[in-house]
Protein backbone atom coordinates (compact mmCIF):
# COMPACT_ATOMS: atom_id res chain seq x y z
CA MET A 1 29.10 -3.85 8.76
CA GLU A 2 29.94 -7.48 9.28
CA VAL A 3 26.55 -8.11 10.81
CA PHE A 4 24.79 -7.53 7.48
CA LYS A 5 27.31 -9.30 5.27
CA ILE A 6 25.75 -11.64 2.72
CA GLN A 7 27.02 -15.15 3.31
CA PRO A 8 26.33 -18.54 1.77
CA MET A 9 24.09 -20.45 4.14
CA ASP A 10 21.49 -23.18 4.34
CA ASP A 11 17.89 -22.93 3.14
CA ASP A 12 16.54 -22.22 6.62
CA SER A 13 18.45 -18.93 6.85
CA ALA A 14 17.17 -17.36 3.65
CA VAL A 15 13.88 -15.72 2.82
CA HIS A 16 13.04 -16.82 -0.72
CA LEU A 17 11.16 -14.82 -3.29
CA GLY A 18 9.29 -17.67 -4.93
CA GLY A 19 12.18 -20.06 -4.38
CA ASN A 20 11.80 -23.81 -4.95
CA ASN A 21 13.66 -26.29 -2.79
CA ASN A 22 12.48 -29.51 -4.47
CA ASN A 23 13.05 -31.01 -7.90
CA ASN A 24 9.34 -31.03 -8.65
CA LYS A 25 8.67 -28.05 -10.95
CA ASN A 26 4.94 -28.35 -11.30
CA ALA A 27 2.60 -25.46 -10.59
CA SER A 28 1.40 -26.71 -7.23
CA GLN A 29 4.93 -26.86 -5.82
CA GLY A 30 5.46 -23.31 -7.07
CA CYS A 31 2.43 -22.26 -5.02
CA VAL A 32 3.88 -23.86 -1.91
CA ASP A 33 7.24 -22.16 -2.46
CA THR A 34 5.57 -18.80 -2.97
CA ALA A 35 3.66 -19.28 0.27
CA VAL A 36 6.99 -20.04 1.97
CA TRP A 37 8.52 -16.81 0.71
CA LEU A 38 5.48 -14.69 1.49
CA ALA A 39 5.35 -16.06 5.02
CA GLU A 40 9.07 -15.63 5.58
CA ARG A 41 8.85 -12.10 4.16
CA VAL A 42 7.04 -11.12 7.34
CA GLY A 43 9.26 -13.24 9.55
CA LEU A 44 7.97 -16.81 9.35
CA ASN A 45 10.03 -19.86 8.39
CA LEU A 46 7.72 -22.54 7.03
CA SER A 47 8.58 -26.19 6.75
CA VAL A 48 7.00 -27.53 3.55
CA THR A 49 6.05 -31.16 3.58
CA ASN A 50 3.99 -33.51 1.47
CA ALA A 51 3.53 -30.98 -1.34
CA SER A 52 2.48 -33.66 -3.78
CA SER A 53 -0.70 -34.28 -1.83
CA THR A 54 -1.85 -30.73 -2.64
CA GLN A 55 -1.16 -30.93 -6.35
CA GLN A 56 -4.72 -31.21 -7.63
CA PRO A 57 -6.43 -28.58 -5.45
CA LEU A 58 -3.73 -25.99 -6.22
CA SER A 59 -3.53 -26.51 -9.98
CA ALA A 60 -5.56 -23.36 -10.67
CA MET A 61 -3.71 -21.21 -8.14
CA PRO A 62 -1.08 -19.73 -10.52
CA ILE A 63 -3.77 -18.38 -12.85
CA ILE A 64 -5.90 -17.06 -10.00
CA ILE A 65 -2.99 -15.40 -8.21
CA THR A 66 -1.58 -13.85 -11.39
CA THR A 67 -5.01 -12.48 -12.32
CA VAL A 68 -5.59 -11.00 -8.86
CA TYR A 69 -2.09 -9.51 -8.78
CA SER A 70 -2.60 -7.93 -12.21
CA ILE A 71 -5.90 -6.32 -11.22
CA VAL A 72 -4.50 -5.02 -7.93
CA CYS A 73 -1.39 -3.70 -9.69
CA VAL A 74 -3.31 -1.73 -12.33
CA LEU A 75 -5.84 -0.30 -9.87
CA GLY A 76 -3.25 0.37 -7.17
CA VAL A 77 -0.68 2.14 -9.32
CA SER A 78 -3.17 4.22 -11.34
CA GLY A 79 -5.37 5.11 -8.35
CA ASN A 80 -2.53 6.15 -6.06
CA LEU A 81 -0.77 8.11 -8.81
CA LEU A 82 -4.04 9.99 -9.36
CA VAL A 83 -4.24 10.77 -5.63
CA MET A 84 -0.67 12.13 -5.65
CA PHE A 85 -1.34 14.18 -8.81
CA VAL A 86 -4.46 15.75 -7.33
CA ILE A 87 -2.65 16.75 -4.13
CA LEU A 88 0.26 18.25 -6.08
CA ARG A 89 -1.92 19.91 -8.72
CA TYR A 90 -4.45 21.75 -6.58
CA THR A 91 -3.33 24.26 -3.96
CA LYS A 92 -6.46 23.76 -1.85
CA MET A 93 -5.53 20.08 -1.43
CA LYS A 94 -2.20 20.81 0.29
CA THR A 95 -3.51 20.38 3.84
CA ALA A 96 -1.77 18.50 6.65
CA THR A 97 -4.12 15.52 6.33
CA ASN A 98 -3.69 15.33 2.56
CA ILE A 99 0.09 15.45 2.87
CA TYR A 100 -0.13 12.32 5.03
CA ILE A 101 -2.43 10.82 2.41
CA PHE A 102 0.20 11.64 -0.24
CA ASN A 103 2.78 9.69 1.77
CA LEU A 104 0.42 6.74 2.09
CA ALA A 105 -0.35 6.82 -1.64
CA LEU A 106 3.37 6.89 -2.45
CA ALA A 107 4.02 3.79 -0.35
CA ASP A 108 1.02 1.98 -1.86
CA ALA A 109 2.02 2.89 -5.42
CA LEU A 110 5.54 1.56 -4.85
CA ALA A 111 4.22 -1.67 -3.31
CA THR A 112 1.76 -2.41 -6.11
CA SER A 113 4.39 -1.59 -8.76
CA THR A 114 6.43 -4.61 -7.61
CA MET A 115 3.62 -7.08 -8.26
CA PRO A 116 4.46 -7.77 -11.94
CA PHE A 117 7.95 -8.87 -10.87
CA GLN A 118 6.55 -11.11 -8.15
CA SER A 119 3.93 -12.73 -10.38
CA THR A 120 6.53 -13.33 -13.11
CA ASN A 121 8.87 -14.91 -10.59
CA TYR A 122 5.98 -17.02 -9.35
CA MET A 123 5.00 -18.25 -12.82
CA LEU A 124 8.57 -18.93 -14.06
CA ASP A 125 9.76 -20.43 -10.77
CA THR A 126 12.99 -18.44 -11.14
CA TRP A 127 14.15 -14.82 -10.73
CA PRO A 128 15.04 -13.36 -14.16
CA PHE A 129 15.43 -9.69 -13.20
CA GLY A 130 18.90 -9.58 -11.68
CA GLN A 131 20.47 -8.52 -8.39
CA ILE A 132 19.46 -4.85 -8.27
CA LEU A 133 15.75 -5.43 -8.87
CA CYS A 134 15.83 -8.26 -6.35
CA LYS A 135 17.04 -5.85 -3.67
CA LEU A 136 14.50 -3.22 -4.68
CA VAL A 137 11.46 -5.50 -4.78
CA ILE A 138 12.07 -7.09 -1.38
CA SER A 139 13.02 -3.82 0.33
CA ILE A 140 9.96 -2.00 -1.07
CA ASP A 141 7.74 -4.59 0.58
CA TYR A 142 9.30 -3.88 3.97
CA TYR A 143 9.22 -0.12 3.43
CA ASN A 144 5.54 -0.27 2.51
CA MET A 145 4.75 -2.39 5.54
CA PHE A 146 6.24 0.16 7.94
CA THR A 147 5.56 3.49 6.18
CA SER A 148 1.87 2.66 5.68
CA ILE A 149 1.07 1.84 9.28
CA LEU A 150 3.28 4.65 10.66
CA THR A 151 1.60 7.17 8.35
CA LEU A 152 -1.85 6.00 9.43
CA THR A 153 -0.74 6.28 13.04
CA MET A 154 0.34 9.88 12.52
CA MET A 155 -2.93 10.62 10.72
CA SER A 156 -4.77 9.35 13.81
CA VAL A 157 -2.61 11.48 16.11
CA ASP A 158 -3.23 14.45 13.80
CA ARG A 159 -7.00 13.88 14.02
CA TYR A 160 -6.78 13.56 17.80
CA ILE A 161 -5.03 16.93 18.09
CA ALA A 162 -7.51 18.57 15.72
CA VAL A 163 -10.54 17.30 17.66
CA CYS A 164 -9.35 17.33 21.28
CA HIS A 165 -6.84 20.21 21.23
CA PRO A 166 -8.02 22.68 18.55
CA VAL A 167 -5.89 25.55 19.89
CA ARG A 168 -2.65 23.57 19.79
CA ALA A 169 -3.67 22.26 16.39
CA LEU A 170 -3.16 25.71 14.88
CA ASP A 171 0.60 25.49 15.52
CA PHE A 172 1.13 21.75 15.07
CA ARG A 173 -1.12 20.87 12.13
CA THR A 174 0.72 22.67 9.34
CA PRO A 175 1.75 21.34 5.91
CA ARG A 176 5.39 21.99 6.79
CA ASN A 177 5.23 19.86 9.93
CA ALA A 178 3.40 17.12 8.04
CA LYS A 179 6.18 17.01 5.44
CA LEU A 180 8.84 16.78 8.15
CA ILE A 181 6.95 13.95 9.83
CA ASN A 182 6.71 12.09 6.52
CA VAL A 183 10.48 12.34 6.12
CA CYS A 184 10.94 11.00 9.66
CA ILE A 185 8.61 8.09 8.85
CA TRP A 186 10.77 7.06 5.88
CA LEU A 187 13.94 7.42 7.95
CA LEU A 188 12.44 5.27 10.70
CA SER A 189 11.33 2.67 8.16
CA SER A 190 14.89 2.61 6.84
CA THR A 191 16.04 0.95 10.07
CA VAL A 192 14.47 -2.19 8.61
CA GLY A 193 14.51 -1.36 4.91
CA LEU A 194 18.23 -0.64 4.56
CA PRO A 195 19.40 -3.88 6.22
CA VAL A 196 17.02 -5.78 3.94
CA ILE A 197 18.52 -4.04 0.89
CA ILE A 198 22.00 -5.06 2.05
CA MET A 199 21.06 -8.66 2.84
CA ALA A 200 18.86 -9.27 -0.21
CA GLY A 201 20.37 -10.81 -3.32
CA THR A 202 20.20 -13.61 -5.85
CA GLN A 203 21.58 -17.10 -5.40
CA TYR A 204 21.24 -20.45 -7.17
CA ASN A 205 19.18 -23.15 -5.51
CA LYS A 206 19.82 -26.89 -5.62
CA LYS A 207 18.14 -27.20 -9.03
CA GLY A 208 20.28 -24.48 -10.58
CA ASP A 209 17.46 -21.92 -10.72
CA LEU A 210 18.07 -18.36 -9.56
CA ASP A 211 16.24 -17.27 -6.40
CA CYS A 212 15.78 -13.79 -4.94
CA VAL A 213 16.45 -14.18 -1.22
CA VAL A 214 17.17 -12.37 2.02
CA GLN A 215 20.08 -14.11 3.72
CA PHE A 216 20.27 -13.75 7.47
CA PRO A 217 23.77 -13.40 8.93
CA ARG A 218 24.94 -15.73 11.67
CA PRO A 219 23.62 -16.53 14.21
CA HIS A 220 20.68 -17.27 11.96
CA TRP A 221 18.09 -17.89 14.67
CA TYR A 222 18.84 -14.56 16.36
CA TRP A 223 18.30 -12.37 13.30
CA ASP A 224 15.31 -14.40 12.17
CA ASN A 225 13.59 -13.95 15.53
CA LEU A 226 14.57 -10.28 15.66
CA LEU A 227 12.90 -9.69 12.31
CA LYS A 228 9.73 -11.42 13.51
CA ILE A 229 9.63 -9.29 16.65
CA CYS A 230 10.29 -6.03 14.80
CA VAL A 231 7.58 -6.64 12.23
CA PHE A 232 4.93 -7.78 14.68
CA VAL A 233 5.61 -5.20 17.40
CA PHE A 234 6.50 -2.08 15.42
CA ALA A 235 4.38 -2.68 12.31
CA TYR A 236 1.25 -3.89 14.10
CA ILE A 237 0.93 -3.99 17.90
CA VAL A 238 2.28 -0.54 18.85
CA PRO A 239 0.62 1.40 15.98
CA VAL A 240 -2.75 -0.29 16.50
CA CYS A 241 -2.63 0.51 20.23
CA ILE A 242 -1.85 4.18 19.53
CA ILE A 243 -4.61 4.40 16.92
CA THR A 244 -7.12 2.78 19.29
CA VAL A 245 -6.30 5.21 22.11
CA CYS A 246 -6.51 8.25 19.80
CA TYR A 247 -9.89 7.34 18.39
CA GLY A 248 -11.23 6.30 21.78
CA LEU A 249 -10.43 9.76 23.13
CA MET A 250 -11.87 11.40 20.01
CA ILE A 251 -15.15 9.52 20.32
CA LEU A 252 -15.49 10.63 23.93
CA ARG A 253 -14.79 14.22 22.92
CA LEU A 254 -17.23 14.22 20.00
CA ARG A 255 -19.99 12.77 22.16
CA SER A 256 -19.51 15.25 25.00
CA VAL A 257 -19.28 18.44 22.91
CA ARG A 258 -21.94 19.47 20.40
CA MET A 259 -19.92 22.35 18.90
CA LEU A 260 -16.14 21.98 18.57
CA SER A 261 -15.04 25.09 16.69
CA GLY A 262 -17.93 27.53 17.08
CA SER A 263 -18.91 27.13 13.43
CA LYS A 264 -21.31 24.54 12.06
CA GLU A 265 -19.48 24.41 8.74
CA LYS A 266 -16.08 23.88 10.36
CA ASP A 267 -17.52 21.26 12.68
CA ARG A 268 -19.07 19.43 9.75
CA ASN A 269 -15.74 19.36 7.90
CA LEU A 270 -13.87 18.30 11.03
CA ARG A 271 -16.19 15.38 11.67
CA ARG A 272 -16.19 14.40 7.99
CA ILE A 273 -12.39 14.25 7.76
CA THR A 274 -12.17 12.40 11.07
CA ARG A 275 -14.66 9.83 9.80
CA MET A 276 -12.69 9.40 6.57
CA VAL A 277 -9.40 8.82 8.39
CA LEU A 278 -11.09 6.37 10.77
CA ILE A 279 -12.49 4.33 7.88
CA VAL A 280 -9.13 4.28 6.06
CA VAL A 281 -7.39 3.10 9.24
CA ALA A 282 -10.08 0.50 9.93
CA VAL A 283 -9.82 -0.92 6.39
CA PHE A 284 -6.04 -1.14 6.73
CA ILE A 285 -6.30 -3.04 10.02
CA VAL A 286 -8.93 -5.39 8.59
CA CYS A 287 -6.75 -6.12 5.55
CA TRP A 288 -3.52 -6.69 7.48
CA THR A 289 -4.71 -8.39 10.67
CA PRO A 290 -5.22 -11.82 9.00
CA ILE A 291 -1.58 -11.85 7.84
CA HIS A 292 -0.23 -11.14 11.31
CA ILE A 293 -2.58 -13.66 12.92
CA TYR A 294 -1.52 -16.30 10.40
CA VAL A 295 2.16 -15.63 11.07
CA ILE A 296 1.72 -15.86 14.84
CA LEU A 297 -0.29 -19.07 14.60
CA ARG A 298 2.27 -20.73 12.36
CA ALA A 299 5.06 -19.57 14.67
CA LEU A 300 3.40 -20.92 17.82
CA VAL A 301 1.51 -23.97 16.55
CA SER A 302 2.57 -26.73 14.20
CA ILE A 303 -0.01 -26.71 11.39
CA ALA A 304 0.25 -29.23 8.56
CA ASP A 305 0.14 -27.78 5.05
CA SER A 306 -3.15 -28.50 3.31
CA PRO A 307 -5.12 -26.99 0.43
CA THR A 308 -7.25 -25.07 2.93
CA VAL A 309 -4.24 -23.70 4.82
CA LEU A 310 -2.42 -22.63 1.66
CA ALA A 311 -5.57 -21.12 0.15
CA SER A 312 -6.08 -19.18 3.38
CA TRP A 313 -2.54 -17.84 3.21
CA HIS A 314 -2.93 -16.71 -0.40
CA PHE A 315 -6.20 -15.02 0.57
CA CYS A 316 -4.42 -13.15 3.39
CA ILE A 317 -1.68 -11.96 1.05
CA ALA A 318 -4.17 -10.84 -1.60
CA LEU A 319 -6.13 -8.97 1.08
CA GLY A 320 -3.00 -7.15 2.23
CA TYR A 321 -2.12 -6.04 -1.29
CA ALA A 322 -5.74 -5.15 -2.07
CA ASN A 323 -5.60 -2.53 0.68
CA SER A 324 -3.15 -0.56 -1.46
CA CYS A 325 -5.76 -0.08 -4.20
CA LEU A 326 -8.74 0.48 -1.88
CA ASN A 327 -7.56 3.79 -0.41
CA PRO A 328 -8.13 5.93 -3.56
CA VAL A 329 -11.66 4.52 -3.77
CA LEU A 330 -12.28 5.44 -0.14
CA TYR A 331 -11.04 9.01 -0.72
CA ALA A 332 -13.35 9.38 -3.73
CA PHE A 333 -16.41 8.25 -1.77
CA LEU A 334 -15.69 9.85 1.61
CA ASP A 335 -14.04 13.20 0.84
CA GLU A 336 -15.87 15.85 -1.18
CA ASN A 337 -12.67 17.65 -2.17
CA PHE A 338 -11.09 14.49 -3.57
CA LYS A 339 -14.35 13.61 -5.29
CA ARG A 340 -14.54 17.05 -6.91
CA CYS A 341 -10.90 16.95 -8.04
CA PHE A 342 -11.23 13.41 -9.40
CA ARG A 343 -14.35 14.44 -11.31
CA GLU A 344 -12.59 17.49 -12.72
CA PHE A 345 -9.58 15.41 -13.75
CA CYS A 346 -11.74 12.85 -15.53
CA SER A 347 -13.99 15.41 -17.26
CA VAL A 348 -13.35 17.78 -20.17
CA PRO A 349 -10.50 20.26 -19.46
CA PRO A 350 -11.66 23.75 -18.38
CA LEU A 351 -10.26 25.40 -21.53
CA CYS A 352 -12.24 23.02 -23.70
CA LYS A 353 -15.33 23.73 -21.62
CA LEU A 354 -14.83 27.47 -22.18
CA LYS A 355 -14.49 26.99 -25.93
CA ILE A 356 -17.55 24.73 -26.04
CA GLY A 357 -19.59 27.20 -23.99
CA THR A 358 -18.52 30.13 -26.18
CA THR A 359 -19.30 28.22 -29.36
CA THR A 360 -22.73 27.25 -28.02
CA ARG A 361 -23.59 30.86 -27.22
CA VAL A 362 -22.41 32.06 -30.63
CA MET A 363 -24.48 29.39 -32.38
CA SER A 364 -27.51 30.38 -30.31
CA LEU A 365 -27.13 34.00 -31.36
CA ALA A 366 -26.61 32.93 -34.94
CA ARG A 367 -29.98 31.21 -34.96
CA ARG A 368 -31.68 34.41 -33.75
CA GLN A 369 -30.23 36.75 -36.39
CA PRO A 370 -28.52 36.32 -39.72
CA PRO A 371 -24.77 36.85 -39.73
CA SER A 372 -23.30 40.04 -41.12
CA PRO A 373 -20.88 39.94 -44.06
CA GLN A 374 -17.97 40.57 -41.67
CA GLU A 375 -19.00 37.60 -39.49
CA GLU A 376 -19.32 35.38 -42.54
CA GLN A 377 -15.81 36.32 -43.61
CA SER A 378 -14.44 35.69 -40.09
CA THR A 379 -16.14 32.30 -39.89
CA ALA A 380 -14.76 31.29 -43.26
CA GLN A 381 -11.23 32.20 -42.15
CA THR A 382 -11.61 30.15 -38.96
């Protein structure tokens, strides 16, 4: 479509992935440019001024950011892959709630896997990975932004149905329906992700360095504002409102009824899973709210760039990415089934345990009575 055609345009119409619009190539200017891209990634067009005045306070930022990104990447990818493995490996883990958790872990693993590319681009002040990876890295960020919050919203709706409408839950809360909903979430996220893939690409800046950018088609202001509205409304305001209503109704229900299912064990599990989902949702909102607040403030109020402002922005970004590696930790602490499966995965394999147990019993018997000639021959052959 002509609307998404990539066109050459001015700097104000492109979202840069670590782009640099000045001739100064020092580390502090790289920090400013990265802040520009990160802000514009969620729909904000920053005007960078007086970067030289922030040179000294930001001199350590590249090392700090690269270190934080590396830690989050390792923990996020490994932790979320472990969550997905556990859900696929064990039949008892294939519940409706865990299928939503699988979808969330997939989005988080993809998001954290892009961090090495972003930190490399940040340190080199150029994009060395080519056109295809440029499209993938930027689009994955948008996909993660939407799939994560939409999945958490559906998990909240799922919990609401389980607590407030237990009879209907028998028909609705099935693994098959959860899988279909996950597919719909990715299709819905594609309404933003696919245009970003089409518009993203590499282009040379004024210095001759290669930037990874999203180029808005003309009229620039229209598409820029549309992106801001889509991100803020559909990736924050609407989902948070739905989640708040669902948990408000659940709290009222849990307080008014002492026994939900007629079984103490089922009630205990129901309340435990509801508490886990609530904490996961709350942590997500805490981690992502500062980013959205920052974007709105910069969009509505003219704020001069300063070391404090830029440090605050980097903190917000790090907090958003850190959420992707916190979820596996929350599952391990809050859900007994995940905790048991994680412990089993990290311990000695069951076959080895069987062999060790058998060997121990044989050795114990051997101490009680001397071996027969046949046993001695068998042991020698082994």
